[in-house]
Protein backbone atom coordinates (compact mmCIF):
# COMPACT_ATOMS: atom_id res chain seq x y z
CA MET A 1 21.48 135.98 -2.52
CA ARG A 2 24.80 134.05 -3.03
CA ALA A 3 24.77 131.03 -5.19
CA TYR A 4 26.56 128.07 -3.89
CA LYS A 5 27.95 124.90 -5.76
CA ALA A 6 29.09 121.78 -3.70
CA ASP A 7 31.62 120.46 -6.08
CA LYS A 8 33.90 117.56 -5.58
CA LEU A 9 37.62 118.53 -4.19
CA ASN A 10 39.78 118.38 -7.27
CA ILE A 11 43.24 116.82 -7.59
CA LEU A 12 45.31 119.88 -6.70
CA GLN A 13 42.88 120.53 -3.38
CA VAL A 14 43.35 117.03 -2.14
CA ALA A 15 47.18 117.00 -2.94
CA GLY A 16 47.29 120.35 -1.11
CA LEU A 17 45.53 118.73 2.13
CA VAL A 18 47.94 115.77 1.70
CA THR A 19 51.05 118.01 1.75
CA VAL A 20 50.01 120.13 4.70
CA GLY A 21 49.14 116.87 6.61
CA THR A 22 52.41 115.35 5.49
CA ILE A 23 54.69 118.11 6.48
CA ALA A 24 52.80 118.88 9.88
CA CYS A 25 53.82 115.40 11.21
CA TYR A 26 57.59 116.67 10.93
CA VAL A 27 57.28 120.72 11.37
CA PRO A 28 54.50 120.74 14.28
CA LEU A 29 54.46 124.66 14.04
CA LEU A 30 52.59 124.05 10.77
CA VAL A 31 49.37 123.21 13.02
CA THR A 32 49.71 126.36 14.72
CA ALA A 33 49.85 128.15 11.16
CA VAL A 34 46.56 126.23 10.27
CA TRP A 35 44.79 127.69 13.48
CA ALA A 36 46.07 131.03 12.55
CA VAL A 37 44.68 130.76 8.88
CA ILE A 38 41.11 129.54 10.61
CA PHE A 39 41.11 132.75 12.71
CA ILE A 40 42.20 135.00 9.82
CA ILE A 41 39.44 133.49 7.61
CA THR A 42 36.91 133.99 10.19
CA LEU A 43 37.95 137.68 10.60
CA ALA A 44 38.19 138.39 6.96
CA ALA A 45 34.61 137.13 6.69
CA LEU A 46 33.29 139.84 8.47
CA VAL A 47 35.10 142.41 6.05
CA SER A 48 34.32 140.40 2.78
CA ASP A 49 30.65 139.95 4.05
CA ARG A 50 30.92 136.11 3.79
CA GLN A 51 29.45 134.34 6.77
CA ASP A 52 29.63 131.08 4.96
CA TRP A 53 33.43 130.98 5.32
CA ILE A 54 32.91 131.18 9.19
CA TRP A 55 30.58 128.11 9.21
CA TYR A 56 32.92 126.22 7.04
CA CYS A 57 35.62 126.75 10.06
CA ILE A 58 33.08 125.85 12.61
CA ALA A 59 32.24 122.65 10.77
CA ALA A 60 36.07 121.82 10.12
CA SER A 61 37.00 122.66 13.96
CA PRO A 62 36.25 119.29 15.71
CA ILE A 63 38.74 117.51 13.22
CA ILE A 64 41.22 120.31 13.44
CA GLU A 65 40.96 120.43 17.19
CA VAL A 66 41.99 116.61 17.78
CA TRP A 67 44.32 116.79 15.14
CA ALA A 68 46.29 119.57 16.83
CA ARG A 69 46.33 117.28 19.94
CA MET A 70 47.62 114.36 18.19
CA VAL A 71 50.61 116.14 16.43
CA LYS A 72 53.44 116.27 19.21
CA GLY A 73 55.02 119.51 19.67
CA ALA A 74 51.93 121.51 18.18
CA VAL A 75 52.10 124.99 19.83
CA VAL A 76 48.56 125.50 20.66
CA PRO A 77 46.31 125.04 23.66
CA ASP A 78 44.52 121.93 24.00
CA GLU A 79 41.22 123.72 24.05
CA ILE A 80 41.80 125.70 21.06
CA GLY A 81 38.72 124.39 19.73
CA LYS A 82 36.54 125.88 22.39
CA TYR A 83 38.45 129.27 22.17
CA TYR A 84 37.97 129.24 18.45
CA LEU A 85 34.16 128.94 18.90
CA LEU A 86 34.08 131.81 21.19
CA PHE A 87 35.67 134.03 18.26
CA ALA A 88 33.15 132.30 15.79
CA ILE A 89 30.06 133.15 17.92
CA ALA A 90 31.13 136.77 18.42
CA SER A 91 31.85 137.17 14.64
CA ILE A 92 28.41 135.39 13.64
CA LEU A 93 26.89 138.16 16.34
CA ILE A 94 28.66 140.71 14.75
CA TYR A 95 27.50 139.96 11.26
CA HIS A 96 23.78 139.79 12.33
CA ILE A 97 24.19 143.02 14.12
CA LYS A 98 25.77 144.79 11.03
CA SER A 99 22.98 143.28 8.73
CA ALA A 100 20.17 144.25 11.17
CA SER A 101 18.76 140.87 11.14
CA ASN A 102 15.34 140.63 13.29
CA LYS A 103 14.67 136.79 12.48
CA PRO A 104 14.01 135.01 15.70
CA LEU A 105 16.14 133.15 17.72
CA TYR A 106 15.76 129.37 19.00
CA LYS A 107 14.36 129.47 22.51
CA ALA A 108 15.92 126.42 23.24
CA GLY A 109 19.51 127.88 23.18
CA ILE A 110 18.39 130.89 25.16
CA LEU A 111 16.96 128.32 27.75
CA ILE A 112 19.82 126.41 28.04
CA ILE A 113 22.05 129.50 28.71
CA VAL A 114 19.62 130.86 31.39
CA LEU A 115 19.25 127.72 33.32
CA LEU A 116 23.05 127.34 33.82
CA LEU A 117 23.60 131.16 35.00
CA PRO A 118 22.68 130.56 38.78
CA SER A 119 25.11 127.63 39.14
CA LEU A 120 27.94 129.66 37.51
CA VAL A 121 28.66 131.45 40.90
CA VAL A 122 28.65 128.61 42.99
CA ASN A 123 32.43 127.52 42.70
CA LEU A 124 33.83 130.80 42.07
CA ALA A 125 35.88 130.93 45.31
CA ASP A 126 37.93 128.12 43.56
CA PHE A 127 37.70 129.27 39.74
CA SER A 128 39.74 127.32 37.61
CA PHE A 129 40.09 128.63 34.02
CA ASP A 130 41.13 125.19 32.67
CA GLN A 131 38.01 123.47 34.48
CA TRP A 132 35.78 126.27 32.93
CA ALA A 133 37.01 125.96 29.53
CA PHE A 134 36.96 122.03 29.88
CA ASN A 135 33.46 121.58 31.22
CA ILE A 136 30.93 124.65 31.30
CA LEU A 137 32.42 126.79 28.19
CA PRO A 138 31.36 123.86 25.50
CA THR A 139 27.89 124.07 26.84
CA LEU A 140 27.49 127.68 26.85
CA GLU A 141 28.69 127.93 23.20
CA LEU A 142 26.25 125.11 22.11
CA GLY A 143 23.71 127.41 23.59
CA PHE A 144 24.77 130.59 21.88
CA LEU A 145 25.27 129.00 18.37
CA LEU A 146 21.95 127.41 18.75
CA MET A 147 20.13 130.65 19.20
CA LEU A 148 22.14 132.28 15.99
CA ALA A 149 21.55 129.11 13.93
CA ALA A 150 17.73 129.96 13.86
CA ARG A 151 18.44 133.05 11.91
CA GLU A 152 20.52 131.19 9.03
CA ARG A 153 18.90 130.15 5.72
CA TRP A 154 20.81 127.91 3.79
CA ASP A 155 20.08 125.79 0.63
CA ILE A 156 21.42 122.09 0.02
CA GLU A 157 24.39 123.36 -1.76
CA ARG A 158 25.55 125.46 1.14
CA PHE A 159 24.86 122.86 3.70
CA ALA A 160 26.57 120.27 1.53
CA LYS A 161 29.55 122.58 1.02
CA THR A 162 29.89 123.13 4.76
CA LEU A 163 30.01 119.43 5.30
CA GLN A 164 32.71 119.07 2.71
CA MET A 165 34.62 121.69 4.42
CA GLY A 166 34.05 120.12 7.47
CA LEU A 167 35.35 116.78 6.44
CA ALA A 168 38.27 117.89 4.64
CA PRO A 169 40.95 118.16 7.41
CA ILE A 170 40.28 114.27 7.69
CA VAL A 171 43.36 114.18 5.53
CA PHE A 172 45.34 115.55 7.96
CA VAL A 173 44.35 113.13 10.47
CA VAL A 174 44.81 110.24 7.92
CA MET A 175 48.27 111.37 7.02
CA TYR A 176 49.28 111.52 10.79
CA LEU A 177 48.11 107.91 11.68
CA ILE A 178 49.73 106.71 8.53
CA LEU A 179 53.08 108.16 9.05
CA LYS A 180 53.72 108.70 12.72
CA THR A 181 51.75 105.92 14.39
CA PRO A 182 53.83 102.41 14.82
CA ALA A 183 53.54 99.67 12.31
CA ILE A 184 50.46 97.42 13.67
CA SER A 185 52.99 94.47 14.10
CA ASN A 186 54.82 96.63 16.57
CA VAL A 187 51.77 97.46 18.55
CA ASN A 188 51.01 95.39 21.73
CA PHE A 189 46.92 95.20 21.66
CA MET A 190 45.51 94.73 24.99
CA LEU A 191 41.92 94.79 26.16
CA GLY A 192 41.98 98.44 26.61
CA ALA A 193 41.88 101.72 24.69
CA ASN A 194 45.05 101.65 22.50
CA PHE A 195 46.81 105.01 22.49
CA LYS A 196 49.66 104.13 20.27
CA ALA A 197 47.58 102.88 17.33
CA ALA A 198 45.32 105.98 17.97
CA GLY A 199 48.36 108.53 17.85
CA GLY A 200 46.67 110.28 20.86
CA GLY A 201 43.77 110.05 23.05
CA SER A 202 41.86 107.00 21.80
CA ASN A 203 38.38 108.10 22.56
CA GLN A 204 38.95 111.50 21.05
CA VAL A 205 40.70 110.18 17.87
CA ALA A 206 37.84 107.51 17.42
CA THR A 207 35.30 110.16 17.71
CA VAL A 208 36.66 112.68 14.80
CA LEU A 209 37.30 109.12 12.56
CA GLY A 210 33.85 108.56 13.44
CA LEU A 211 32.66 111.95 12.25
CA GLY A 212 34.65 111.50 9.07
CA ILE A 213 32.49 108.27 8.21
CA LEU A 214 29.22 110.27 9.10
CA TYR A 215 30.22 113.34 7.19
CA THR A 216 31.23 111.06 4.25
CA MET A 217 27.83 109.03 4.05
CA LEU A 218 25.75 112.10 4.61
CA LEU A 219 27.41 113.58 1.49
CA LEU A 220 26.90 110.37 -0.51
CA LEU A 221 23.16 110.49 0.67
CA LEU A 222 22.82 113.98 -0.59
CA LYS A 223 24.40 112.86 -3.99
CA ARG A 224 27.13 115.48 -3.40
CA PRO A 225 30.21 113.39 -2.38
CA VAL A 226 33.32 115.31 -1.43
CA VAL A 227 35.41 113.09 -3.86
CA ALA A 228 34.36 110.23 -6.53
CA ARG A 229 32.11 107.73 -4.84
CA TRP A 230 34.64 104.87 -5.00
CA ALA A 231 37.17 107.19 -3.25
CA CYS A 232 34.55 107.98 -0.47
CA TYR A 233 33.93 104.10 0.19
CA LEU A 234 37.81 103.73 0.13
CA LEU A 235 37.90 106.52 2.85
CA ILE A 236 35.09 104.90 4.84
CA ALA A 237 37.10 101.59 4.86
CA PHE A 238 40.17 103.08 6.08
CA LEU A 239 38.41 105.11 8.97
CA PHE A 240 36.77 102.20 9.99
CA PHE A 241 39.98 100.34 9.93
CA ARG A 242 41.67 103.00 12.00
CA SER A 243 38.86 103.50 14.23
CA PHE A 244 38.83 99.79 15.30
CA LEU A 245 42.40 99.90 15.91
CA THR A 246 42.16 102.45 18.69
CA PHE A 247 40.01 99.94 20.52
CA SER A 248 37.65 102.86 21.54
CA ARG A 249 34.34 101.68 20.99
CA GLY A 250 32.25 104.83 21.59
CA GLY A 251 33.20 106.82 18.21
CA VAL A 252 32.26 103.68 15.80
CA PHE A 253 29.21 102.60 17.61
CA THR A 254 28.07 106.41 17.52
CA ALA A 255 28.85 107.04 13.91
CA VAL A 256 27.28 103.63 12.89
CA ALA A 257 24.15 104.39 14.74
CA SER A 258 23.93 108.05 13.39
CA VAL A 259 24.53 106.70 9.63
CA TYR A 260 21.64 104.17 10.18
CA VAL A 261 19.37 106.66 11.62
CA ALA A 262 19.87 108.90 8.44
CA ILE A 263 19.49 105.95 5.89
CA GLY A 264 16.21 104.73 8.19
CA PHE A 265 14.41 107.82 7.80
CA ALA A 266 15.50 108.47 4.04
CA MET A 267 14.34 104.97 2.88
CA ILE A 268 10.80 105.16 3.89
CA VAL A 269 9.28 107.19 0.97
CA ASN A 270 8.68 104.88 -1.94
CA ARG A 271 9.73 101.77 -3.30
CA LYS A 272 12.52 103.25 -5.25
CA THR A 273 13.98 105.14 -2.31
CA PHE A 274 13.70 101.76 -0.22
CA ILE A 275 15.65 100.00 -2.80
CA ARG A 276 18.37 102.59 -3.24
CA TYR A 277 18.90 103.33 0.57
CA SER A 278 18.74 99.59 1.46
CA THR A 279 21.45 98.97 -0.90
CA ILE A 280 23.40 101.87 0.51
CA MET A 281 22.80 100.20 4.04
CA ILE A 282 23.85 96.76 2.83
CA VAL A 283 27.13 98.12 1.36
CA PHE A 284 27.99 100.39 4.54
CA ALA A 285 27.31 97.34 6.77
CA ALA A 286 29.49 95.04 4.59
CA LEU A 287 32.20 97.10 4.53
CA GLY A 288 32.20 97.59 8.17
CA VAL A 289 32.19 94.07 9.04
CA PHE A 290 34.80 93.13 6.39
CA VAL A 291 37.01 95.67 7.87
CA PHE A 292 36.26 94.60 11.52
CA ASN A 293 37.02 90.80 10.73
CA LYS A 294 40.32 91.92 9.18
CA VAL A 295 41.39 93.95 12.27
CA ASP A 296 40.33 91.24 14.46
CA GLU A 297 42.70 89.04 12.74
CA LEU A 298 45.34 91.19 12.88
CA THR A 299 44.97 91.82 16.45
CA GLY A 300 44.80 88.18 17.40
CA HIS A 301 40.92 88.34 17.96
CA LYS A 302 41.26 90.85 20.90
CA LEU A 303 39.08 93.36 18.99
CA THR A 304 36.08 90.98 19.25
CA GLN A 305 36.96 90.68 22.98
CA ARG A 306 37.05 94.22 23.64
CA TYR A 307 33.89 94.80 21.86
CA SER A 308 32.26 92.21 23.97
CA GLY A 309 33.44 94.23 27.01
CA GLU A 310 35.98 91.51 28.24
CA THR A 311 39.28 92.77 30.31
CA ILE A 312 42.00 90.45 31.21
CA ALA A 313 40.58 89.97 34.92
CA THR A 314 37.24 89.04 33.55
CA ILE A 315 38.58 86.29 30.89
CA SER A 316 40.94 85.03 33.91
CA GLY A 317 37.89 84.74 36.00
CA GLU A 318 39.33 87.12 38.70
CA GLN A 319 36.41 89.54 38.26
CA GLU A 320 32.89 89.34 37.05
CA LYS A 321 32.03 90.94 33.86
CA THR A 322 29.79 93.81 35.05
CA TRP A 323 28.20 96.59 33.00
CA ASN A 324 30.67 98.96 34.65
CA LYS A 325 33.26 96.83 33.11
CA VAL A 326 31.53 96.76 29.67
CA THR A 327 31.57 100.41 29.79
CA SER A 328 35.11 101.25 30.80
CA GLY A 329 34.15 102.70 34.35
CA ARG A 330 31.45 105.00 33.14
CA THR A 331 28.66 103.52 35.23
CA THR A 332 30.76 104.58 38.47
CA LEU A 333 31.30 107.87 36.96
CA ILE A 334 27.43 108.33 36.31
CA ASN A 335 26.75 107.07 39.89
CA ALA A 336 29.22 109.42 41.36
CA ASP A 337 27.63 112.30 39.26
CA TRP A 338 23.83 111.35 40.35
CA ASN A 339 24.97 110.94 44.31
CA ILE A 340 26.56 114.58 43.68
CA PHE A 341 23.32 115.62 42.20
CA LYS A 342 21.14 114.43 45.02
CA GLU A 343 23.33 115.99 47.55
CA TYR A 344 23.71 119.21 45.86
CA PHE A 345 20.60 119.22 43.89
CA LEU A 346 19.61 123.03 43.79
CA PHE A 347 22.49 124.51 42.20
CA GLY A 348 25.04 121.77 41.90
CA VAL A 349 28.82 122.16 42.73
CA GLY A 350 29.43 124.76 40.10
CA PRO A 351 31.59 124.35 36.76
CA GLY A 352 34.44 121.59 37.13
CA GLY A 353 33.63 121.27 40.94
CA ALA A 354 32.42 117.53 40.58
CA LYS A 355 35.97 116.45 39.32
CA ASP A 356 37.50 116.25 42.91
CA LEU A 357 34.45 115.21 44.46
CA ARG A 358 33.59 112.11 42.36
CA THR A 359 36.22 110.22 44.34
CA SER A 360 34.27 110.62 47.67
CA TYR A 361 31.32 108.92 45.76
CA GLY A 362 33.47 105.89 44.57
CA ALA A 363 34.91 107.13 41.23
CA PRO A 364 38.68 106.72 40.58
CA PRO A 365 40.80 109.61 41.63
CA ASP A 366 41.35 112.74 39.37
CA SER A 367 37.94 111.74 37.27
CA ALA A 368 36.65 113.79 34.43
CA ALA A 369 33.16 113.70 33.32
CA HIS A 370 32.58 111.35 30.36
CA THR A 371 28.89 111.94 30.26
CA GLU A 372 27.33 115.40 29.58
CA VAL A 373 23.94 114.88 30.81
CA THR A 374 25.14 113.72 34.36
CA ARG A 375 27.78 116.22 34.39
CA LEU A 376 25.23 118.98 33.95
CA MET A 377 23.35 117.55 36.86
CA SER A 378 26.17 117.00 39.43
CA GLU A 379 27.68 120.55 38.51
CA HIS A 380 24.57 122.67 37.86
CA GLY A 381 21.82 120.87 39.80
CA ILE A 382 18.23 121.33 38.95
CA GLY A 383 19.13 123.81 36.38
CA GLY A 384 21.49 121.28 34.56
CA LEU A 385 18.90 118.70 34.73
CA LEU A 386 16.46 121.05 32.95
CA ALA A 387 19.18 121.96 30.22
CA ALA A 388 19.98 118.31 29.79
CA VAL A 389 15.93 117.82 29.06
CA VAL A 390 15.95 120.87 26.73
CA LEU A 391 19.10 119.32 24.72
CA LEU A 392 17.30 116.08 24.51
CA LEU A 393 13.75 117.56 23.47
CA PHE A 394 14.79 120.12 21.06
CA PRO A 395 15.62 117.55 18.21
CA ILE A 396 12.13 115.71 18.57
CA TYR A 397 10.65 119.53 18.24
CA TRP A 398 13.04 120.01 15.27
CA LEU A 399 12.58 116.68 13.51
CA ARG A 400 8.75 117.34 13.67
CA LYS A 401 8.83 120.30 11.60
CA GLN A 402 10.67 118.79 8.65
CA ARG A 403 8.52 118.05 5.74
CA TYR A 404 11.02 115.59 3.88
CA ARG A 405 11.96 112.25 4.84
CA LEU A 406 15.71 112.58 3.46
CA TRP A 407 16.24 116.18 5.55
CA MET A 408 14.65 114.53 8.55
CA GLY A 409 17.12 111.42 8.27
CA ILE A 410 20.23 114.14 7.85
CA SER A 411 19.26 116.22 10.65
CA ALA A 412 18.56 112.99 12.96
CA ALA A 413 21.99 111.69 12.20
CA LEU A 414 23.65 114.75 13.22
CA PHE A 415 21.42 115.04 16.30
CA CYS A 416 22.43 111.31 17.01
CA MET A 417 26.02 111.94 16.55
CA ALA A 418 25.77 114.91 18.77
CA LEU A 419 23.93 113.29 21.56
CA LEU A 420 25.80 109.98 21.65
CA THR A 421 29.19 111.46 21.41
CA SER A 422 28.23 113.41 24.58
CA MET A 423 27.15 110.32 26.25
CA HIS A 424 30.49 108.53 26.13
CA SER A 425 33.03 111.73 25.42
CA ALA A 426 31.09 114.51 27.26
CA MET A 427 31.98 117.69 25.17
CA ARG A 428 35.85 117.15 25.13
CA THR A 429 35.75 117.94 21.42
CA ASN A 430 33.61 120.40 19.52
CA THR A 431 32.03 117.37 17.77
CA THR A 432 28.70 117.31 19.92
CA ILE A 433 28.26 121.38 19.51
CA VAL A 434 28.76 121.21 15.61
CA CYS A 435 26.81 118.47 14.80
CA TYR A 436 23.81 119.54 17.04
CA VAL A 437 23.82 123.04 15.57
CA LEU A 438 24.36 121.84 11.90
CA ALA A 439 21.36 119.51 12.59
CA SER A 440 19.38 122.71 13.59
CA ILE A 441 20.26 124.82 10.60
CA PRO A 442 17.07 125.89 8.37
CA VAL A 443 17.74 124.36 5.19
CA TYR A 444 15.46 124.61 2.08
CA ILE A 445 15.56 121.67 -0.08
CA ARG A 446 13.46 121.23 -3.27
CA ARG A 447 11.18 118.08 -3.19
CA THR A 448 12.09 115.13 -5.44
CA ASN A 449 10.60 111.66 -5.69
CA GLY A 450 13.41 110.61 -3.44
CA SER A 451 12.69 113.29 -0.65
């Protein structure tokens, strides 16, 4: 068995990441080159018998995917991350066939795929490749990767190394935000998501910034930080800062909730672990509150109004502050999906079929899904509902099998990140897929007093 060591990134590696991120801001073709390297590494992994390389690329794909969307002029499809996962799944499958692996597969992954199959033929007359890639492809990929994850056998070093490789591309996003977004003084902050400060789709950017916060904190909890501890906390502070500036709340809420889930599980072992993790929790909370207050001041206290669900219309008294206003219209989308499900409960309206129908049920025109559970229900009927139940119940089954509190916390945090992201951003990024599958990897960890 190959030995792994989750060493910190050295100064040359960090400098290399900064250089690539900087040049890509002015030479967008470099983004294409980075994706080409990802595909080449995955292919080389089959030849070199290095399946770990494939998982490194999978872990990094959510951040690289959003970075590619941020960089204007990058010659890659918007859904390149989904296409890459198809290639990665095929590569892992070939690897297992070559190694004649006979380990069992997760039945949950098989169930998800089987339950969605009947509805795939519903909307074939109006087949749209883009809608399939945007809607059903990520869910099927999650099912396939979950199946294959059962055959993995990692140690803690390999898992931490995978998280480190998944976190490394956050440097690309950081450099783009520093160099290509307007100065704060030139941004007109309103009471909605801020695309200029985000450098692109605010929800997606906030999601991967939150993912960066979670990856960094999990590595700190595992005592295998990607860089020096003080630098990790500086990185978290910066990611908080830029996340708050996007005015997109889902990514921040999801990251914070996931971190607290990890710490909450880990701290309940003995007095020593309770004190240690309580200290980490306090430092993390203080850092977040401090940055929030600074951003709130910079934005004329509009950040506080945004997080309390206010809009210009509710402040002026023209409209009442409702739950739909607080959730930026997601309640309307959920209600539309629910009504579609009730009318087409057997097989749904097929992949992507709900987009045009939502308007008839009260949603704004051309509304894309924001909540994966209700999308599954409206587009896949009863099968989609059951697939959603499997997605929600598998983490409970998996966590009950874990023996050590620290690892329960790590897995629970990744599941939390995956599911909460799917509740506010559906599966627009690879974040849900990657976090859910990483949470499901069988990892062997030696027991310590703090486990």
